[in-house]
Amino acid sequence: MREYRNDIDWLTPTLALCAWAAHFLLLWAASSVLPDQPAARWIAAILTLPALGTLWWLWRRGAVVSWASIPGLGIAISATGILFSLLPAIVG
């Protein structure tokens, strides 16, 4: 019998989605603790930078060559989610 080998990097999209979830939870916690306060908006903006930096690091670490791959798609979905989570803080 031949051995099945899966060469797709599943760790990169999993970590990217975890970064998105952590970013969402931290923004939700900040808005719950500081409702309708400008500090929560600043916290959201500040926390977005390390979240996007994490995705950039995952892109470089995984040597992703295109968005049209499983790791690239995971990072793209996570980046969209992170930026969408920041939108209420910007719009206000």
N, C-alpha and C. Protein backbone atom coordinates (compact mmCIF):
# COMPACT_ATOMS: atom_id res chain seq x y z
N MET A 1 0.83 -1.19 0.00
CA MET A 1 0.00 0.00 0.00
C MET A 1 0.87 1.24 0.00
N ARG A 2 0.40 2.23 -0.72
CA ARG A 2 1.14 3.48 -0.74
C ARG A 2 0.77 4.32 0.46
N GLU A 3 1.74 5.09 0.91
CA GLU A 3 1.51 5.97 2.05
C GLU A 3 0.96 7.30 1.55
N TYR A 4 -0.09 7.78 2.21
CA TYR A 4 -0.68 9.07 1.85
C TYR A 4 0.09 10.18 2.52
N ARG A 5 0.43 11.20 1.76
CA ARG A 5 1.17 12.32 2.32
C ARG A 5 0.46 13.62 1.93
N ASN A 6 0.20 14.42 2.93
CA ASN A 6 -0.46 15.70 2.72
C ASN A 6 0.58 16.80 2.86
N ASP A 7 0.87 17.49 1.76
CA ASP A 7 1.89 18.53 1.78
C ASP A 7 1.33 19.92 2.02
N ILE A 8 0.07 20.03 2.33
CA ILE A 8 -0.54 21.35 2.56
C ILE A 8 -0.22 21.81 3.98
N ASP A 9 0.21 23.05 4.08
CA ASP A 9 0.52 23.65 5.39
C ASP A 9 -0.79 24.09 6.05
N TRP A 10 -1.24 23.35 7.02
CA TRP A 10 -2.47 23.68 7.73
C TRP A 10 -2.21 24.50 8.97
N LEU A 11 -0.97 24.56 9.44
CA LEU A 11 -0.65 25.32 10.65
C LEU A 11 -0.79 26.83 10.41
N THR A 12 -0.35 27.30 9.26
CA THR A 12 -0.42 28.74 8.98
C THR A 12 -1.85 29.26 8.99
N PRO A 13 -2.81 28.66 8.27
CA PRO A 13 -4.17 29.20 8.35
C PRO A 13 -4.80 29.03 9.73
N THR A 14 -4.44 27.97 10.42
CA THR A 14 -4.97 27.78 11.77
C THR A 14 -4.49 28.88 12.70
N LEU A 15 -3.20 29.20 12.66
CA LEU A 15 -2.67 30.28 13.49
C LEU A 15 -3.23 31.63 13.08
N ALA A 16 -3.44 31.82 11.78
CA ALA A 16 -4.01 33.09 11.31
C ALA A 16 -5.43 33.26 11.84
N LEU A 17 -6.23 32.21 11.79
CA LEU A 17 -7.59 32.30 12.32
C LEU A 17 -7.59 32.47 13.83
N CYS A 18 -6.62 31.89 14.53
CA CYS A 18 -6.49 32.10 15.97
C CYS A 18 -6.13 33.55 16.29
N ALA A 19 -5.29 34.16 15.45
CA ALA A 19 -4.94 35.57 15.64
C ALA A 19 -6.18 36.44 15.46
N TRP A 20 -7.00 36.12 14.47
CA TRP A 20 -8.24 36.86 14.26
C TRP A 20 -9.17 36.70 15.47
N ALA A 21 -9.31 35.49 15.97
CA ALA A 21 -10.19 35.24 17.12
C ALA A 21 -9.68 35.98 18.36
N ALA A 22 -8.37 35.96 18.59
CA ALA A 22 -7.81 36.66 19.74
C ALA A 22 -8.03 38.17 19.61
N HIS A 23 -7.85 38.69 18.42
CA HIS A 23 -8.06 40.12 18.18
C HIS A 23 -9.53 40.48 18.45
N PHE A 24 -10.43 39.68 17.94
CA PHE A 24 -11.85 39.94 18.16
C PHE A 24 -12.20 39.92 19.65
N LEU A 25 -11.70 38.91 20.36
CA LEU A 25 -12.03 38.80 21.78
C LEU A 25 -11.46 39.97 22.59
N LEU A 26 -10.26 40.41 22.26
CA LEU A 26 -9.68 41.55 22.97
C LEU A 26 -10.44 42.84 22.67
N LEU A 27 -10.85 43.03 21.42
CA LEU A 27 -11.64 44.22 21.10
C LEU A 27 -13.01 44.18 21.76
N TRP A 28 -13.60 43.00 21.79
CA TRP A 28 -14.90 42.86 22.45
C TRP A 28 -14.78 43.14 23.94
N ALA A 29 -13.70 42.64 24.56
CA ALA A 29 -13.49 42.89 25.99
C ALA A 29 -13.28 44.38 26.25
N ALA A 30 -12.51 45.04 25.41
CA ALA A 30 -12.27 46.48 25.60
C ALA A 30 -13.57 47.27 25.46
N SER A 31 -14.40 46.90 24.48
CA SER A 31 -15.66 47.63 24.32
C SER A 31 -16.65 47.31 25.42
N SER A 32 -16.53 46.15 26.05
CA SER A 32 -17.41 45.80 27.16
C SER A 32 -16.99 46.51 28.44
N VAL A 33 -15.69 46.63 28.66
CA VAL A 33 -15.19 47.28 29.87
C VAL A 33 -15.32 48.80 29.77
N LEU A 34 -15.09 49.33 28.59
CA LEU A 34 -15.13 50.78 28.38
C LEU A 34 -16.17 51.14 27.31
N PRO A 35 -17.46 50.95 27.60
CA PRO A 35 -18.47 51.22 26.57
C PRO A 35 -18.56 52.72 26.26
N ASP A 36 -18.69 53.03 25.00
CA ASP A 36 -18.87 54.41 24.51
C ASP A 36 -17.78 55.36 24.99
N GLN A 37 -16.57 54.86 25.13
CA GLN A 37 -15.45 55.72 25.54
C GLN A 37 -14.38 55.70 24.45
N PRO A 38 -13.73 56.83 24.24
CA PRO A 38 -12.68 56.89 23.22
C PRO A 38 -11.51 55.94 23.51
N ALA A 39 -11.28 55.62 24.77
CA ALA A 39 -10.17 54.72 25.10
C ALA A 39 -10.34 53.35 24.45
N ALA A 40 -11.57 52.88 24.37
CA ALA A 40 -11.82 51.58 23.73
C ALA A 40 -11.48 51.64 22.25
N ARG A 41 -11.74 52.78 21.62
CA ARG A 41 -11.40 52.92 20.21
C ARG A 41 -9.89 52.94 20.01
N TRP A 42 -9.19 53.62 20.89
CA TRP A 42 -7.72 53.64 20.80
C TRP A 42 -7.15 52.26 21.05
N ILE A 43 -7.71 51.55 22.01
CA ILE A 43 -7.25 50.18 22.27
C ILE A 43 -7.46 49.31 21.04
N ALA A 44 -8.60 49.47 20.38
CA ALA A 44 -8.87 48.69 19.17
C ALA A 44 -7.85 48.99 18.08
N ALA A 45 -7.55 50.26 17.91
CA ALA A 45 -6.58 50.64 16.87
C ALA A 45 -5.19 50.12 17.21
N ILE A 46 -4.82 50.21 18.47
CA ILE A 46 -3.48 49.76 18.88
C ILE A 46 -3.36 48.24 18.77
N LEU A 47 -4.41 47.50 19.13
CA LEU A 47 -4.35 46.04 19.07
C LEU A 47 -4.40 45.50 17.64
N THR A 48 -4.86 46.33 16.71
CA THR A 48 -4.91 45.89 15.32
C THR A 48 -3.51 45.78 14.73
N LEU A 49 -2.61 46.65 15.13
CA LEU A 49 -1.25 46.61 14.58
C LEU A 49 -0.53 45.30 14.88
N PRO A 50 -0.49 44.83 16.13
CA PRO A 50 0.16 43.53 16.35
C PRO A 50 -0.57 42.36 15.69
N ALA A 51 -1.88 42.46 15.56
CA ALA A 51 -2.62 41.38 14.89
C ALA A 51 -2.24 41.30 13.42
N LEU A 52 -2.15 42.44 12.75
CA LEU A 52 -1.73 42.43 11.35
C LEU A 52 -0.25 42.06 11.23
N GLY A 53 0.55 42.46 12.22
CA GLY A 53 1.95 42.05 12.23
C GLY A 53 2.10 40.55 12.37
N THR A 54 1.23 39.94 13.14
CA THR A 54 1.24 38.48 13.27
C THR A 54 0.94 37.81 11.93
N LEU A 55 -0.03 38.36 11.21
CA LEU A 55 -0.35 37.79 9.90
C LEU A 55 0.81 37.96 8.93
N TRP A 56 1.47 39.11 8.99
CA TRP A 56 2.64 39.32 8.13
C TRP A 56 3.73 38.30 8.47
N TRP A 57 3.94 38.08 9.78
CA TRP A 57 4.94 37.10 10.21
C TRP A 57 4.58 35.69 9.73
N LEU A 58 3.30 35.34 9.81
CA LEU A 58 2.87 34.03 9.33
C LEU A 58 3.08 33.91 7.82
N TRP A 59 2.84 34.99 7.10
CA TRP A 59 3.06 34.97 5.65
C TRP A 59 4.52 34.69 5.35
N ARG A 60 5.43 35.37 6.05
CA ARG A 60 6.86 35.19 5.83
C ARG A 60 7.33 33.82 6.31
N ARG A 61 6.83 33.38 7.46
CA ARG A 61 7.25 32.11 8.05
C ARG A 61 6.82 30.93 7.19
N GLY A 62 5.62 31.01 6.68
CA GLY A 62 5.10 29.91 5.88
C GLY A 62 5.55 29.95 4.44
N ALA A 63 6.28 30.99 4.06
CA ALA A 63 6.74 31.15 2.67
C ALA A 63 5.57 31.01 1.70
N VAL A 64 4.49 31.71 2.01
CA VAL A 64 3.29 31.66 1.18
C VAL A 64 3.60 32.38 -0.12
N VAL A 65 3.32 31.74 -1.22
CA VAL A 65 3.65 32.32 -2.52
C VAL A 65 2.45 33.03 -3.16
N SER A 66 1.25 32.73 -2.73
CA SER A 66 0.08 33.30 -3.38
C SER A 66 -1.10 33.30 -2.42
N TRP A 67 -2.03 34.22 -2.68
CA TRP A 67 -3.28 34.21 -1.92
C TRP A 67 -4.14 33.02 -2.32
N ALA A 68 -3.87 32.46 -3.48
CA ALA A 68 -4.66 31.35 -4.00
C ALA A 68 -4.11 30.01 -3.52
N SER A 69 -3.83 29.93 -2.22
CA SER A 69 -3.40 28.68 -1.61
C SER A 69 -4.10 28.58 -0.26
N ILE A 70 -4.05 27.42 0.35
CA ILE A 70 -4.71 27.25 1.64
C ILE A 70 -4.12 28.21 2.69
N PRO A 71 -2.80 28.28 2.87
CA PRO A 71 -2.26 29.25 3.84
C PRO A 71 -2.57 30.70 3.46
N GLY A 72 -2.48 31.01 2.18
CA GLY A 72 -2.77 32.38 1.75
C GLY A 72 -4.22 32.75 1.97
N LEU A 73 -5.12 31.81 1.71
CA LEU A 73 -6.54 32.07 1.92
C LEU A 73 -6.85 32.26 3.40
N GLY A 74 -6.23 31.45 4.25
CA GLY A 74 -6.43 31.61 5.70
C GLY A 74 -5.96 32.97 6.19
N ILE A 75 -4.82 33.43 5.68
CA ILE A 75 -4.31 34.74 6.07
C ILE A 75 -5.20 35.84 5.52
N ALA A 76 -5.68 35.70 4.29
CA ALA A 76 -6.55 36.72 3.69
C ALA A 76 -7.87 36.84 4.45
N ILE A 77 -8.47 35.72 4.80
CA ILE A 77 -9.72 35.75 5.56
C ILE A 77 -9.49 36.39 6.92
N SER A 78 -8.39 36.05 7.57
CA SER A 78 -8.08 36.61 8.88
C SER A 78 -7.83 38.11 8.80
N ALA A 79 -7.10 38.55 7.78
CA ALA A 79 -6.84 39.98 7.62
C ALA A 79 -8.13 40.75 7.39
N THR A 80 -9.02 40.19 6.59
CA THR A 80 -10.31 40.82 6.35
C THR A 80 -11.12 40.90 7.64
N GLY A 81 -11.11 39.83 8.42
CA GLY A 81 -11.83 39.83 9.69
C GLY A 81 -11.26 40.81 10.69
N ILE A 82 -9.94 40.91 10.74
CA ILE A 82 -9.30 41.86 11.67
C ILE A 82 -9.65 43.29 11.29
N LEU A 83 -9.56 43.60 10.00
CA LEU A 83 -9.90 44.96 9.58
C LEU A 83 -11.38 45.25 9.75
N PHE A 84 -12.22 44.25 9.55
CA PHE A 84 -13.66 44.44 9.75
C PHE A 84 -13.97 44.65 11.24
N SER A 85 -13.22 43.98 12.13
CA SER A 85 -13.42 44.18 13.56
C SER A 85 -13.01 45.58 13.99
N LEU A 86 -12.08 46.19 13.28
CA LEU A 86 -11.64 47.53 13.59
C LEU A 86 -12.65 48.57 13.10
N LEU A 87 -13.45 48.23 12.13
CA LEU A 87 -14.36 49.19 11.50
C LEU A 87 -15.28 49.93 12.48
N PRO A 88 -15.93 49.28 13.46
CA PRO A 88 -16.77 50.02 14.39
C PRO A 88 -16.00 51.06 15.21
N ALA A 89 -14.75 50.79 15.50
CA ALA A 89 -13.95 51.76 16.24
C ALA A 89 -13.65 52.99 15.39
N ILE A 90 -13.50 52.79 14.10
CA ILE A 90 -13.21 53.91 13.20
C ILE A 90 -14.49 54.71 12.92
N VAL A 91 -15.56 54.02 12.62
CA VAL A 91 -16.81 54.68 12.26
C VAL A 91 -17.45 55.32 13.48
N GLY A 92 -17.38 54.60 14.58
CA GLY A 92 -17.77 55.14 15.85
C GLY A 92 -19.16 55.17 16.26
